[in-house]
N, C-alpha and C. Protein backbone atom coordinates (compact mmCIF):
# COMPACT_ATOMS: atom_id res chain seq x y z
N MET A 1 10.04 0.12 27.12
CA MET A 1 10.77 -0.96 26.45
C MET A 1 12.06 -0.42 25.86
N ALA A 2 13.17 -0.99 26.20
CA ALA A 2 14.46 -0.52 25.69
C ALA A 2 14.55 -0.77 24.20
N ASP A 3 15.12 0.16 23.47
CA ASP A 3 15.27 0.00 22.03
C ASP A 3 16.26 -1.11 21.72
N GLU A 4 15.85 -2.01 20.84
CA GLU A 4 16.66 -3.19 20.54
C GLU A 4 18.00 -2.83 19.89
N PHE A 5 18.03 -1.74 19.13
CA PHE A 5 19.25 -1.37 18.43
C PHE A 5 20.39 -1.08 19.39
N LEU A 6 20.04 -0.62 20.59
CA LEU A 6 21.09 -0.28 21.55
C LEU A 6 21.86 -1.51 21.99
N GLN A 7 21.32 -2.69 21.72
CA GLN A 7 21.94 -3.92 22.17
C GLN A 7 22.71 -4.63 21.05
N LEU A 8 22.77 -4.03 19.88
CA LEU A 8 23.46 -4.68 18.76
C LEU A 8 24.96 -4.75 19.02
N SER A 9 25.52 -5.92 18.84
CA SER A 9 26.97 -6.10 18.98
C SER A 9 27.63 -5.91 17.61
N PRO A 10 28.95 -5.73 17.56
CA PRO A 10 29.65 -5.64 16.28
C PRO A 10 29.41 -6.86 15.40
N VAL A 11 29.34 -8.04 16.00
CA VAL A 11 29.09 -9.27 15.22
C VAL A 11 27.71 -9.20 14.56
N GLN A 12 26.72 -8.75 15.30
CA GLN A 12 25.38 -8.66 14.75
C GLN A 12 25.32 -7.65 13.61
N LYS A 13 26.01 -6.51 13.78
CA LYS A 13 26.05 -5.51 12.71
C LYS A 13 26.76 -6.06 11.48
N ASP A 14 27.82 -6.84 11.68
CA ASP A 14 28.54 -7.45 10.56
C ASP A 14 27.63 -8.42 9.80
N ILE A 15 26.84 -9.18 10.54
CA ILE A 15 25.94 -10.14 9.89
C ILE A 15 24.87 -9.40 9.09
N LEU A 16 24.33 -8.32 9.66
CA LEU A 16 23.34 -7.53 8.93
C LEU A 16 23.96 -6.90 7.68
N LYS A 17 25.22 -6.48 7.77
CA LYS A 17 25.90 -5.94 6.59
C LYS A 17 26.10 -7.01 5.54
N GLU A 18 26.45 -8.23 5.96
CA GLU A 18 26.64 -9.32 5.02
C GLU A 18 25.33 -9.64 4.31
N VAL A 19 24.24 -9.68 5.06
CA VAL A 19 22.93 -9.91 4.44
C VAL A 19 22.62 -8.80 3.44
N SER A 20 22.94 -7.56 3.81
CA SER A 20 22.69 -6.42 2.93
C SER A 20 23.52 -6.51 1.66
N ASN A 21 24.78 -6.94 1.78
CA ASN A 21 25.64 -7.09 0.61
C ASN A 21 25.10 -8.15 -0.34
N ILE A 22 24.62 -9.25 0.23
CA ILE A 22 24.04 -10.30 -0.61
C ILE A 22 22.78 -9.78 -1.31
N GLY A 23 21.97 -9.02 -0.56
CA GLY A 23 20.79 -8.41 -1.16
C GLY A 23 21.15 -7.44 -2.26
N ALA A 24 22.22 -6.65 -2.05
CA ALA A 24 22.66 -5.70 -3.07
C ALA A 24 23.13 -6.43 -4.33
N GLY A 25 23.83 -7.55 -4.13
CA GLY A 25 24.27 -8.34 -5.28
C GLY A 25 23.09 -8.88 -6.07
N SER A 26 22.07 -9.36 -5.35
CA SER A 26 20.86 -9.85 -6.02
C SER A 26 20.14 -8.72 -6.74
N GLY A 27 20.11 -7.55 -6.09
CA GLY A 27 19.48 -6.39 -6.72
C GLY A 27 20.19 -5.96 -7.99
N ALA A 28 21.51 -5.98 -7.96
CA ALA A 28 22.29 -5.62 -9.14
C ALA A 28 22.03 -6.59 -10.28
N THR A 29 21.93 -7.88 -9.95
CA THR A 29 21.64 -8.88 -10.97
C THR A 29 20.26 -8.65 -11.57
N ALA A 30 19.28 -8.34 -10.71
CA ALA A 30 17.92 -8.10 -11.19
C ALA A 30 17.86 -6.85 -12.07
N LEU A 31 18.58 -5.79 -11.66
CA LEU A 31 18.62 -4.57 -12.48
C LEU A 31 19.29 -4.84 -13.82
N ALA A 32 20.37 -5.59 -13.79
CA ALA A 32 21.09 -5.90 -15.04
C ALA A 32 20.19 -6.69 -15.98
N HIS A 33 19.42 -7.64 -15.43
CA HIS A 33 18.51 -8.43 -16.25
C HIS A 33 17.40 -7.55 -16.83
N LEU A 34 16.88 -6.64 -16.00
CA LEU A 34 15.80 -5.75 -16.44
C LEU A 34 16.28 -4.78 -17.52
N LEU A 35 17.47 -4.22 -17.31
CA LEU A 35 17.97 -3.17 -18.20
C LEU A 35 18.86 -3.69 -19.32
N ARG A 36 19.26 -4.98 -19.20
CA ARG A 36 20.12 -5.62 -20.20
C ARG A 36 21.49 -4.94 -20.31
N ARG A 37 21.97 -4.47 -19.20
CA ARG A 37 23.32 -3.93 -19.11
C ARG A 37 23.72 -3.94 -17.64
N LYS A 38 25.01 -3.81 -17.39
CA LYS A 38 25.52 -3.98 -16.04
C LYS A 38 25.40 -2.71 -15.20
N ILE A 39 24.70 -2.85 -14.07
CA ILE A 39 24.66 -1.82 -13.04
C ILE A 39 25.02 -2.51 -11.73
N THR A 40 26.01 -2.01 -11.04
CA THR A 40 26.42 -2.64 -9.78
C THR A 40 25.82 -1.90 -8.59
N MET A 41 25.60 -2.65 -7.51
CA MET A 41 25.16 -2.08 -6.24
C MET A 41 26.09 -2.60 -5.16
N THR A 42 26.55 -1.72 -4.31
CA THR A 42 27.39 -2.13 -3.19
C THR A 42 26.87 -1.50 -1.91
N VAL A 43 27.27 -2.08 -0.79
CA VAL A 43 26.88 -1.58 0.54
C VAL A 43 28.15 -1.22 1.31
N PRO A 44 28.56 0.06 1.26
CA PRO A 44 29.79 0.46 1.97
C PRO A 44 29.70 0.34 3.48
N GLY A 45 28.49 0.47 4.02
CA GLY A 45 28.39 0.41 5.48
C GLY A 45 26.97 0.24 5.96
N VAL A 46 26.85 -0.28 7.17
CA VAL A 46 25.57 -0.41 7.87
C VAL A 46 25.71 0.32 9.20
N ARG A 47 24.79 1.23 9.47
CA ARG A 47 24.88 2.05 10.68
C ARG A 47 23.57 2.03 11.44
N VAL A 48 23.65 2.41 12.70
CA VAL A 48 22.46 2.57 13.54
C VAL A 48 22.45 4.00 14.05
N LEU A 49 21.31 4.68 13.89
CA LEU A 49 21.20 6.07 14.35
C LEU A 49 19.89 6.28 15.09
N PRO A 50 19.88 7.18 16.09
CA PRO A 50 18.61 7.58 16.70
C PRO A 50 17.72 8.24 15.65
N LEU A 51 16.41 8.13 15.79
CA LEU A 51 15.50 8.68 14.80
C LEU A 51 15.72 10.18 14.57
N GLU A 52 16.04 10.91 15.65
CA GLU A 52 16.20 12.35 15.50
C GLU A 52 17.42 12.73 14.66
N GLU A 53 18.32 11.77 14.42
CA GLU A 53 19.51 12.04 13.62
C GLU A 53 19.40 11.50 12.19
N VAL A 54 18.32 10.78 11.91
CA VAL A 54 18.19 10.15 10.59
C VAL A 54 18.23 11.18 9.46
N ALA A 55 17.49 12.28 9.64
CA ALA A 55 17.41 13.29 8.58
C ALA A 55 18.76 13.93 8.27
N THR A 56 19.69 13.93 9.26
CA THR A 56 21.00 14.54 9.02
C THR A 56 21.77 13.79 7.94
N VAL A 57 21.48 12.50 7.78
CA VAL A 57 22.16 11.69 6.76
C VAL A 57 21.83 12.20 5.36
N THR A 58 20.63 12.76 5.21
CA THR A 58 20.19 13.23 3.89
C THR A 58 20.55 14.69 3.65
N GLY A 59 21.21 15.32 4.62
CA GLY A 59 21.59 16.72 4.46
C GLY A 59 20.82 17.65 5.37
N GLY A 60 19.94 17.10 6.20
CA GLY A 60 19.18 17.93 7.14
C GLY A 60 17.69 17.76 6.94
N ALA A 61 16.92 18.06 8.01
CA ALA A 61 15.47 17.87 7.97
C ALA A 61 14.80 18.71 6.89
N ASP A 62 15.38 19.88 6.58
CA ASP A 62 14.79 20.78 5.59
C ASP A 62 15.30 20.52 4.17
N HIS A 63 16.14 19.50 4.01
CA HIS A 63 16.70 19.18 2.70
C HIS A 63 15.68 18.41 1.88
N LYS A 64 15.40 18.87 0.67
CA LYS A 64 14.42 18.21 -0.18
C LYS A 64 15.01 16.95 -0.79
N VAL A 65 14.28 15.86 -0.70
CA VAL A 65 14.78 14.57 -1.18
C VAL A 65 13.66 13.82 -1.90
N VAL A 66 14.07 12.75 -2.59
CA VAL A 66 13.12 11.79 -3.15
C VAL A 66 13.11 10.60 -2.20
N GLY A 67 11.92 10.21 -1.75
CA GLY A 67 11.79 9.09 -0.85
C GLY A 67 10.93 7.99 -1.45
N ILE A 68 11.37 6.77 -1.32
CA ILE A 68 10.60 5.61 -1.79
C ILE A 68 10.23 4.80 -0.55
N PHE A 69 8.92 4.69 -0.30
CA PHE A 69 8.45 4.07 0.94
C PHE A 69 7.77 2.73 0.67
N GLN A 70 8.01 1.77 1.57
CA GLN A 70 7.28 0.51 1.57
C GLN A 70 7.03 0.05 2.99
N ARG A 71 5.84 -0.44 3.24
CA ARG A 71 5.51 -1.07 4.51
C ARG A 71 5.69 -2.57 4.31
N VAL A 72 6.30 -3.23 5.30
CA VAL A 72 6.58 -4.65 5.21
C VAL A 72 5.83 -5.37 6.32
N GLU A 73 4.99 -6.33 5.95
CA GLU A 73 4.24 -7.11 6.92
C GLU A 73 4.84 -8.51 7.04
N GLY A 74 4.37 -9.26 8.04
CA GLY A 74 4.89 -10.60 8.28
C GLY A 74 5.20 -10.79 9.75
N PRO A 75 5.94 -11.84 10.10
CA PRO A 75 6.26 -12.10 11.52
C PRO A 75 7.19 -11.07 12.13
N ALA A 76 7.90 -10.31 11.30
CA ALA A 76 8.80 -9.25 11.80
C ALA A 76 8.52 -7.97 11.00
N PRO A 77 7.37 -7.33 11.24
CA PRO A 77 6.98 -6.16 10.43
C PRO A 77 7.93 -4.98 10.61
N CYS A 78 8.02 -4.18 9.57
CA CYS A 78 8.91 -3.00 9.59
C CYS A 78 8.47 -2.04 8.51
N SER A 79 9.11 -0.89 8.47
CA SER A 79 8.90 0.10 7.42
C SER A 79 10.24 0.37 6.76
N ILE A 80 10.20 0.64 5.46
CA ILE A 80 11.42 0.91 4.69
C ILE A 80 11.28 2.26 4.00
N LEU A 81 12.33 3.06 4.10
CA LEU A 81 12.43 4.31 3.35
C LEU A 81 13.76 4.31 2.60
N PHE A 82 13.70 4.58 1.32
CA PHE A 82 14.93 4.70 0.53
C PHE A 82 15.03 6.16 0.10
N PHE A 83 16.06 6.87 0.61
CA PHE A 83 16.24 8.29 0.33
C PHE A 83 17.31 8.52 -0.74
N LEU A 84 16.99 9.41 -1.67
CA LEU A 84 17.95 9.88 -2.67
C LEU A 84 17.87 11.40 -2.74
N SER A 85 19.00 12.05 -2.94
CA SER A 85 18.95 13.48 -3.22
C SER A 85 18.25 13.67 -4.57
N ILE A 86 17.74 14.87 -4.81
CA ILE A 86 17.05 15.15 -6.08
C ILE A 86 17.98 14.87 -7.25
N ASP A 87 19.23 15.35 -7.16
CA ASP A 87 20.19 15.13 -8.25
C ASP A 87 20.48 13.65 -8.45
N SER A 88 20.66 12.91 -7.35
CA SER A 88 20.94 11.48 -7.46
C SER A 88 19.75 10.75 -8.08
N ALA A 89 18.54 11.15 -7.69
CA ALA A 89 17.35 10.51 -8.25
C ALA A 89 17.27 10.74 -9.75
N MET A 90 17.56 11.96 -10.20
CA MET A 90 17.51 12.24 -11.63
C MET A 90 18.61 11.50 -12.38
N HIS A 91 19.79 11.40 -11.78
CA HIS A 91 20.87 10.64 -12.40
C HIS A 91 20.51 9.16 -12.45
N LEU A 92 19.85 8.66 -11.41
CA LEU A 92 19.46 7.26 -11.39
C LEU A 92 18.41 6.98 -12.47
N VAL A 93 17.48 7.92 -12.66
CA VAL A 93 16.50 7.78 -13.74
C VAL A 93 17.21 7.70 -15.09
N ASP A 94 18.23 8.54 -15.28
CA ASP A 94 19.01 8.47 -16.53
C ASP A 94 19.61 7.08 -16.71
N MET A 95 20.15 6.51 -15.62
CA MET A 95 20.73 5.18 -15.69
C MET A 95 19.67 4.13 -15.99
N LEU A 96 18.53 4.24 -15.30
CA LEU A 96 17.47 3.25 -15.46
C LEU A 96 16.84 3.30 -16.86
N LEU A 97 16.73 4.49 -17.42
CA LEU A 97 16.10 4.64 -18.73
C LEU A 97 17.10 4.76 -19.86
N ASN A 98 18.39 4.49 -19.53
CA ASN A 98 19.46 4.49 -20.54
C ASN A 98 19.56 5.83 -21.27
N ARG A 99 19.50 6.89 -20.50
CA ARG A 99 19.63 8.23 -21.05
C ARG A 99 21.03 8.76 -20.79
N ALA A 100 21.42 9.76 -21.55
CA ALA A 100 22.68 10.44 -21.28
C ALA A 100 22.57 11.15 -19.94
N LEU A 101 23.66 11.11 -19.16
CA LEU A 101 23.67 11.73 -17.85
C LEU A 101 23.32 13.22 -17.97
N GLY A 102 22.35 13.67 -17.17
CA GLY A 102 21.93 15.07 -17.21
C GLY A 102 20.69 15.30 -18.04
N THR A 103 20.17 14.23 -18.68
CA THR A 103 18.97 14.38 -19.51
C THR A 103 17.75 14.70 -18.66
N THR A 104 17.58 13.98 -17.56
CA THR A 104 16.41 14.17 -16.69
C THR A 104 16.57 15.45 -15.89
N ARG A 105 15.59 16.35 -16.01
CA ARG A 105 15.65 17.64 -15.31
C ARG A 105 14.58 17.79 -14.24
N PHE A 106 13.60 16.88 -14.22
CA PHE A 106 12.57 16.90 -13.19
C PHE A 106 11.98 15.50 -13.09
N ILE A 107 11.28 15.25 -11.99
CA ILE A 107 10.70 13.93 -11.74
C ILE A 107 9.22 13.95 -12.12
N ASP A 108 8.89 13.39 -13.29
CA ASP A 108 7.50 13.30 -13.71
C ASP A 108 6.97 11.90 -13.42
N LYS A 109 5.76 11.58 -13.90
CA LYS A 109 5.13 10.30 -13.60
C LYS A 109 5.95 9.13 -14.14
N LEU A 110 6.50 9.28 -15.35
CA LEU A 110 7.31 8.22 -15.93
C LEU A 110 8.55 7.97 -15.08
N ASN A 111 9.19 9.05 -14.66
CA ASN A 111 10.39 8.92 -13.84
C ASN A 111 10.07 8.32 -12.48
N MET A 112 8.91 8.69 -11.92
CA MET A 112 8.49 8.11 -10.64
C MET A 112 8.27 6.61 -10.78
N SER A 113 7.70 6.19 -11.91
CA SER A 113 7.48 4.76 -12.14
C SER A 113 8.80 4.01 -12.18
N ALA A 114 9.81 4.63 -12.81
CA ALA A 114 11.13 4.00 -12.88
C ALA A 114 11.73 3.88 -11.48
N LEU A 115 11.56 4.92 -10.66
CA LEU A 115 12.09 4.89 -9.30
C LEU A 115 11.33 3.88 -8.43
N GLU A 116 10.02 3.78 -8.64
CA GLU A 116 9.24 2.78 -7.90
C GLU A 116 9.73 1.38 -8.22
N GLU A 117 9.99 1.12 -9.50
CA GLU A 117 10.48 -0.21 -9.89
C GLU A 117 11.84 -0.48 -9.29
N MET A 118 12.71 0.53 -9.30
CA MET A 118 14.02 0.37 -8.68
C MET A 118 13.88 0.10 -7.19
N GLY A 119 12.99 0.85 -6.52
CA GLY A 119 12.77 0.64 -5.09
C GLY A 119 12.26 -0.76 -4.81
N ASN A 120 11.38 -1.25 -5.67
CA ASN A 120 10.86 -2.60 -5.52
C ASN A 120 11.98 -3.63 -5.61
N ILE A 121 12.91 -3.41 -6.54
CA ILE A 121 14.02 -4.35 -6.74
C ILE A 121 14.98 -4.29 -5.56
N VAL A 122 15.33 -3.09 -5.12
CA VAL A 122 16.29 -2.94 -4.02
C VAL A 122 15.73 -3.53 -2.73
N SER A 123 14.52 -3.12 -2.36
CA SER A 123 13.94 -3.62 -1.11
C SER A 123 13.61 -5.10 -1.22
N GLY A 124 13.11 -5.53 -2.39
CA GLY A 124 12.80 -6.94 -2.58
C GLY A 124 14.03 -7.81 -2.46
N SER A 125 15.14 -7.36 -3.01
CA SER A 125 16.38 -8.14 -2.95
C SER A 125 16.88 -8.24 -1.52
N PHE A 126 16.82 -7.12 -0.79
CA PHE A 126 17.23 -7.15 0.61
C PHE A 126 16.34 -8.07 1.43
N LEU A 127 15.04 -7.95 1.25
CA LEU A 127 14.10 -8.76 2.02
C LEU A 127 14.19 -10.24 1.65
N ASN A 128 14.43 -10.53 0.38
CA ASN A 128 14.61 -11.92 -0.03
C ASN A 128 15.86 -12.53 0.61
N ALA A 129 16.94 -11.71 0.65
CA ALA A 129 18.16 -12.19 1.28
C ALA A 129 17.94 -12.41 2.77
N LEU A 130 17.26 -11.46 3.40
CA LEU A 130 16.98 -11.58 4.83
C LEU A 130 16.07 -12.78 5.09
N GLY A 131 15.08 -12.97 4.24
CA GLY A 131 14.19 -14.10 4.39
C GLY A 131 14.90 -15.43 4.19
N GLY A 132 15.86 -15.45 3.23
CA GLY A 132 16.61 -16.67 3.00
C GLY A 132 17.48 -17.06 4.19
N PHE A 133 18.03 -16.05 4.87
CA PHE A 133 18.89 -16.31 6.03
C PHE A 133 18.07 -16.67 7.27
N THR A 134 16.89 -16.06 7.40
CA THR A 134 16.12 -16.21 8.64
C THR A 134 14.99 -17.22 8.56
N GLY A 135 14.52 -17.50 7.35
CA GLY A 135 13.36 -18.36 7.21
C GLY A 135 12.06 -17.61 7.47
N LEU A 136 12.15 -16.29 7.71
CA LEU A 136 10.96 -15.48 7.94
C LEU A 136 10.41 -14.97 6.61
N LYS A 137 9.12 -14.76 6.57
CA LYS A 137 8.49 -14.25 5.36
C LYS A 137 8.23 -12.76 5.49
N PHE A 138 8.74 -11.99 4.52
CA PHE A 138 8.53 -10.54 4.51
C PHE A 138 7.67 -10.19 3.30
N VAL A 139 6.58 -9.46 3.55
CA VAL A 139 5.63 -9.13 2.48
C VAL A 139 5.58 -7.61 2.32
N PRO A 140 6.31 -7.06 1.33
CA PRO A 140 6.33 -5.60 1.16
C PRO A 140 5.11 -5.10 0.39
N SER A 141 4.71 -3.87 0.70
CA SER A 141 3.63 -3.22 -0.03
C SER A 141 4.17 -2.71 -1.37
N VAL A 142 3.25 -2.25 -2.20
CA VAL A 142 3.66 -1.59 -3.44
C VAL A 142 4.39 -0.30 -3.05
N PRO A 143 5.55 -0.02 -3.66
CA PRO A 143 6.30 1.18 -3.28
C PRO A 143 5.58 2.46 -3.69
N SER A 144 5.78 3.51 -2.91
CA SER A 144 5.26 4.83 -3.27
C SER A 144 6.41 5.83 -3.23
N VAL A 145 6.40 6.76 -4.17
CA VAL A 145 7.47 7.74 -4.30
C VAL A 145 6.94 9.13 -3.96
N ALA A 146 7.70 9.88 -3.20
CA ALA A 146 7.31 11.25 -2.85
C ALA A 146 8.55 12.14 -2.91
N ILE A 147 8.30 13.41 -3.17
CA ILE A 147 9.36 14.43 -3.13
C ILE A 147 8.97 15.43 -2.06
N ASP A 148 9.79 15.53 -1.03
CA ASP A 148 9.46 16.41 0.09
C ASP A 148 10.72 16.62 0.92
N MET A 149 10.61 17.42 1.97
CA MET A 149 11.71 17.59 2.89
C MET A 149 11.89 16.31 3.69
N ALA A 150 13.14 15.95 3.96
CA ALA A 150 13.44 14.68 4.63
C ALA A 150 12.73 14.57 5.97
N GLY A 151 12.72 15.64 6.74
CA GLY A 151 12.09 15.62 8.04
C GLY A 151 10.59 15.38 7.95
N ALA A 152 9.94 16.03 6.98
CA ALA A 152 8.49 15.87 6.81
C ALA A 152 8.16 14.45 6.39
N MET A 153 8.98 13.87 5.51
CA MET A 153 8.74 12.51 5.06
C MET A 153 8.89 11.51 6.20
N LEU A 154 9.94 11.72 6.99
CA LEU A 154 10.17 10.84 8.13
C LEU A 154 9.04 10.97 9.15
N ASN A 155 8.60 12.19 9.41
CA ASN A 155 7.51 12.40 10.36
C ASN A 155 6.22 11.75 9.89
N SER A 156 5.99 11.76 8.58
CA SER A 156 4.80 11.13 8.02
C SER A 156 4.80 9.63 8.26
N VAL A 157 5.97 9.00 8.08
CA VAL A 157 6.09 7.56 8.33
C VAL A 157 5.85 7.27 9.81
N LEU A 158 6.45 8.06 10.68
CA LEU A 158 6.31 7.83 12.11
C LEU A 158 4.88 8.09 12.58
N TYR A 159 4.19 9.03 11.93
CA TYR A 159 2.80 9.33 12.28
C TYR A 159 1.90 8.14 11.97
N HIS A 160 2.10 7.55 10.79
CA HIS A 160 1.24 6.45 10.38
C HIS A 160 1.65 5.12 11.01
N TYR A 161 2.96 4.99 11.30
CA TYR A 161 3.46 3.73 11.87
C TYR A 161 4.25 4.05 13.13
N GLY A 162 3.58 4.62 14.12
CA GLY A 162 4.23 5.10 15.33
C GLY A 162 4.79 4.02 16.23
N GLN A 163 4.60 2.73 15.82
CA GLN A 163 5.09 1.65 16.67
C GLN A 163 6.56 1.33 16.43
N VAL A 164 7.23 2.07 15.54
CA VAL A 164 8.64 1.79 15.32
C VAL A 164 9.45 2.16 16.56
N GLY A 165 10.65 1.61 16.68
CA GLY A 165 11.51 1.89 17.83
C GLY A 165 12.11 3.28 17.76
N ASP A 166 13.11 3.52 18.58
CA ASP A 166 13.73 4.84 18.66
C ASP A 166 14.93 5.00 17.74
N HIS A 167 15.33 3.93 17.08
CA HIS A 167 16.49 3.96 16.21
C HIS A 167 16.16 3.36 14.84
N ALA A 168 17.01 3.65 13.87
CA ALA A 168 16.84 3.09 12.52
C ALA A 168 18.14 2.45 12.08
N LEU A 169 18.01 1.40 11.30
CA LEU A 169 19.15 0.75 10.66
C LEU A 169 19.34 1.41 9.31
N ILE A 170 20.53 1.95 9.06
CA ILE A 170 20.81 2.65 7.81
C ILE A 170 21.80 1.83 7.00
N ILE A 171 21.38 1.48 5.79
CA ILE A 171 22.21 0.69 4.90
C ILE A 171 22.65 1.61 3.76
N ASP A 172 23.91 2.04 3.79
CA ASP A 172 24.43 2.90 2.73
C ASP A 172 24.50 2.10 1.43
N THR A 173 24.01 2.68 0.35
CA THR A 173 23.92 1.98 -0.92
C THR A 173 24.55 2.82 -2.03
N GLU A 174 25.36 2.19 -2.88
CA GLU A 174 25.96 2.88 -4.01
C GLU A 174 25.62 2.15 -5.31
N PHE A 175 25.24 2.93 -6.32
CA PHE A 175 24.97 2.40 -7.65
C PHE A 175 26.07 2.87 -8.59
N ALA A 176 26.43 2.03 -9.54
CA ALA A 176 27.47 2.42 -10.50
C ALA A 176 27.20 1.76 -11.84
N GLU A 177 27.44 2.53 -12.88
CA GLU A 177 27.40 2.02 -14.24
C GLU A 177 28.57 2.65 -14.99
N GLN A 178 29.56 1.84 -15.30
CA GLN A 178 30.81 2.33 -15.90
C GLN A 178 31.38 3.44 -15.02
N ASP A 179 31.43 4.68 -15.51
CA ASP A 179 32.04 5.76 -14.72
C ASP A 179 31.01 6.61 -13.99
N ARG A 180 29.75 6.16 -13.97
CA ARG A 180 28.69 6.91 -13.29
C ARG A 180 28.42 6.27 -11.93
N HIS A 181 28.48 7.10 -10.89
CA HIS A 181 28.28 6.62 -9.53
C HIS A 181 27.30 7.53 -8.80
N LEU A 182 26.47 6.95 -7.97
CA LEU A 182 25.60 7.75 -7.11
C LEU A 182 25.27 6.95 -5.86
N ALA A 183 24.87 7.67 -4.82
CA ALA A 183 24.64 7.03 -3.52
C ALA A 183 23.23 7.31 -3.03
N GLY A 184 22.72 6.37 -2.23
CA GLY A 184 21.43 6.52 -1.59
C GLY A 184 21.50 5.93 -0.20
N ASN A 185 20.46 6.11 0.57
CA ASN A 185 20.41 5.56 1.93
C ASN A 185 19.13 4.77 2.11
N PHE A 186 19.29 3.54 2.52
CA PHE A 186 18.19 2.60 2.73
C PHE A 186 17.96 2.52 4.24
N PHE A 187 16.77 2.96 4.69
CA PHE A 187 16.46 2.99 6.12
C PHE A 187 15.47 1.89 6.46
N LEU A 188 15.79 1.12 7.48
CA LEU A 188 14.90 0.07 7.97
C LEU A 188 14.43 0.45 9.37
N PHE A 189 13.12 0.54 9.56
CA PHE A 189 12.52 0.88 10.85
C PHE A 189 11.71 -0.33 11.35
N PRO A 190 12.33 -1.22 12.13
CA PRO A 190 11.58 -2.38 12.63
C PRO A 190 10.56 -1.98 13.69
N ASP A 191 9.41 -2.65 13.69
CA ASP A 191 8.46 -2.50 14.78
C ASP A 191 9.08 -3.09 16.05
N PRO A 192 8.64 -2.66 17.23
CA PRO A 192 9.17 -3.24 18.47
C PRO A 192 9.05 -4.77 18.45
N GLY A 193 10.13 -5.44 18.78
CA GLY A 193 10.15 -6.89 18.80
C GLY A 193 10.63 -7.52 17.51
N SER A 194 10.55 -6.79 16.39
CA SER A 194 10.92 -7.36 15.09
C SER A 194 12.41 -7.66 14.99
N LEU A 195 13.24 -6.73 15.50
CA LEU A 195 14.67 -6.95 15.40
C LEU A 195 15.10 -8.17 16.20
N THR A 196 14.49 -8.37 17.37
CA THR A 196 14.80 -9.55 18.18
C THR A 196 14.48 -10.82 17.42
N LYS A 197 13.34 -10.85 16.71
CA LYS A 197 12.96 -12.03 15.92
C LYS A 197 13.96 -12.26 14.79
N ILE A 198 14.38 -11.17 14.13
CA ILE A 198 15.32 -11.30 13.01
C ILE A 198 16.66 -11.82 13.49
N LEU A 199 17.18 -11.23 14.57
CA LEU A 199 18.48 -11.65 15.10
C LEU A 199 18.43 -13.09 15.60
N SER A 200 17.34 -13.45 16.26
CA SER A 200 17.20 -14.81 16.75
C SER A 200 17.18 -15.80 15.60
N ALA A 201 16.47 -15.45 14.51
CA ALA A 201 16.40 -16.32 13.34
C ALA A 201 17.76 -16.39 12.62
N LEU A 202 18.57 -15.34 12.76
CA LEU A 202 19.91 -15.34 12.18
C LEU A 202 20.90 -16.14 13.04
N GLY A 203 20.45 -16.53 14.25
CA GLY A 203 21.32 -17.29 15.13
C GLY A 203 22.24 -16.43 15.96
N VAL A 204 21.92 -15.12 16.06
CA VAL A 204 22.73 -14.20 16.87
C VAL A 204 21.80 -13.44 17.81
N SER A 205 21.30 -14.13 18.80
CA SER A 205 20.39 -13.52 19.77
C SER A 205 21.04 -12.31 20.40
N ASN A 206 20.22 -11.27 20.63
CA ASN A 206 20.78 -10.03 21.21
C ASN A 206 20.78 -10.03 22.73
N HIS A 207 20.47 -11.15 23.36
CA HIS A 207 20.51 -11.19 24.82
C HIS A 207 21.95 -11.07 25.32
N GLY A 208 22.16 -10.08 26.11
CA GLY A 208 23.50 -9.90 26.70
C GLY A 208 24.51 -9.28 25.78
N ALA A 209 24.07 -8.90 24.57
CA ALA A 209 25.03 -8.30 23.64
C ALA A 209 25.25 -6.84 24.00
N CYS A 210 26.38 -6.37 23.61
CA CYS A 210 26.67 -4.95 23.84
C CYS A 210 26.69 -4.24 22.51
N CYS A 211 26.68 -2.92 22.52
CA CYS A 211 26.73 -2.17 21.28
C CYS A 211 28.16 -1.75 20.98
């Protein structure tokens, strides 16, 4: 079966980026409401990469990262991984817990809970936006946080959910609060057939499209 991502046209990628931007805006609003102060989220870009190149985005397969994982069920099932560098994750915890930048020096249970909640908001906002555009229902699992090498984390997801395609959709994400900025990468791994359902529901069928 040919990988669906290879058939994405520029128009389809633009639509997915627009959906992601709307999701990021909703996520920023939810974070601001939760934290009672303004935190912005933006999506600088949406990319498609072969699975073997995904880890390079995080600095390499042997690069240690914080990963937030969720499995998504429904008519278009998929898996989600949100990657942050260790430093970015600690800075994000400072932002989430209203600490001075540099306060967090390691990721303990409290910090993991904060990251899980953030992951829930980010993925939930994206999925809600996608569901609003497509009419499809996406049901995410409770997020789980792990600290490991990017390659090992990716291999673990592929081992448990080996039905994903050969490519991943990467949504670059930036968080900002006043003069504090940090970046993360939101990876979407659709099961075979899921991307076709999503694009069809968006009104941009991938039949005959080019990449």
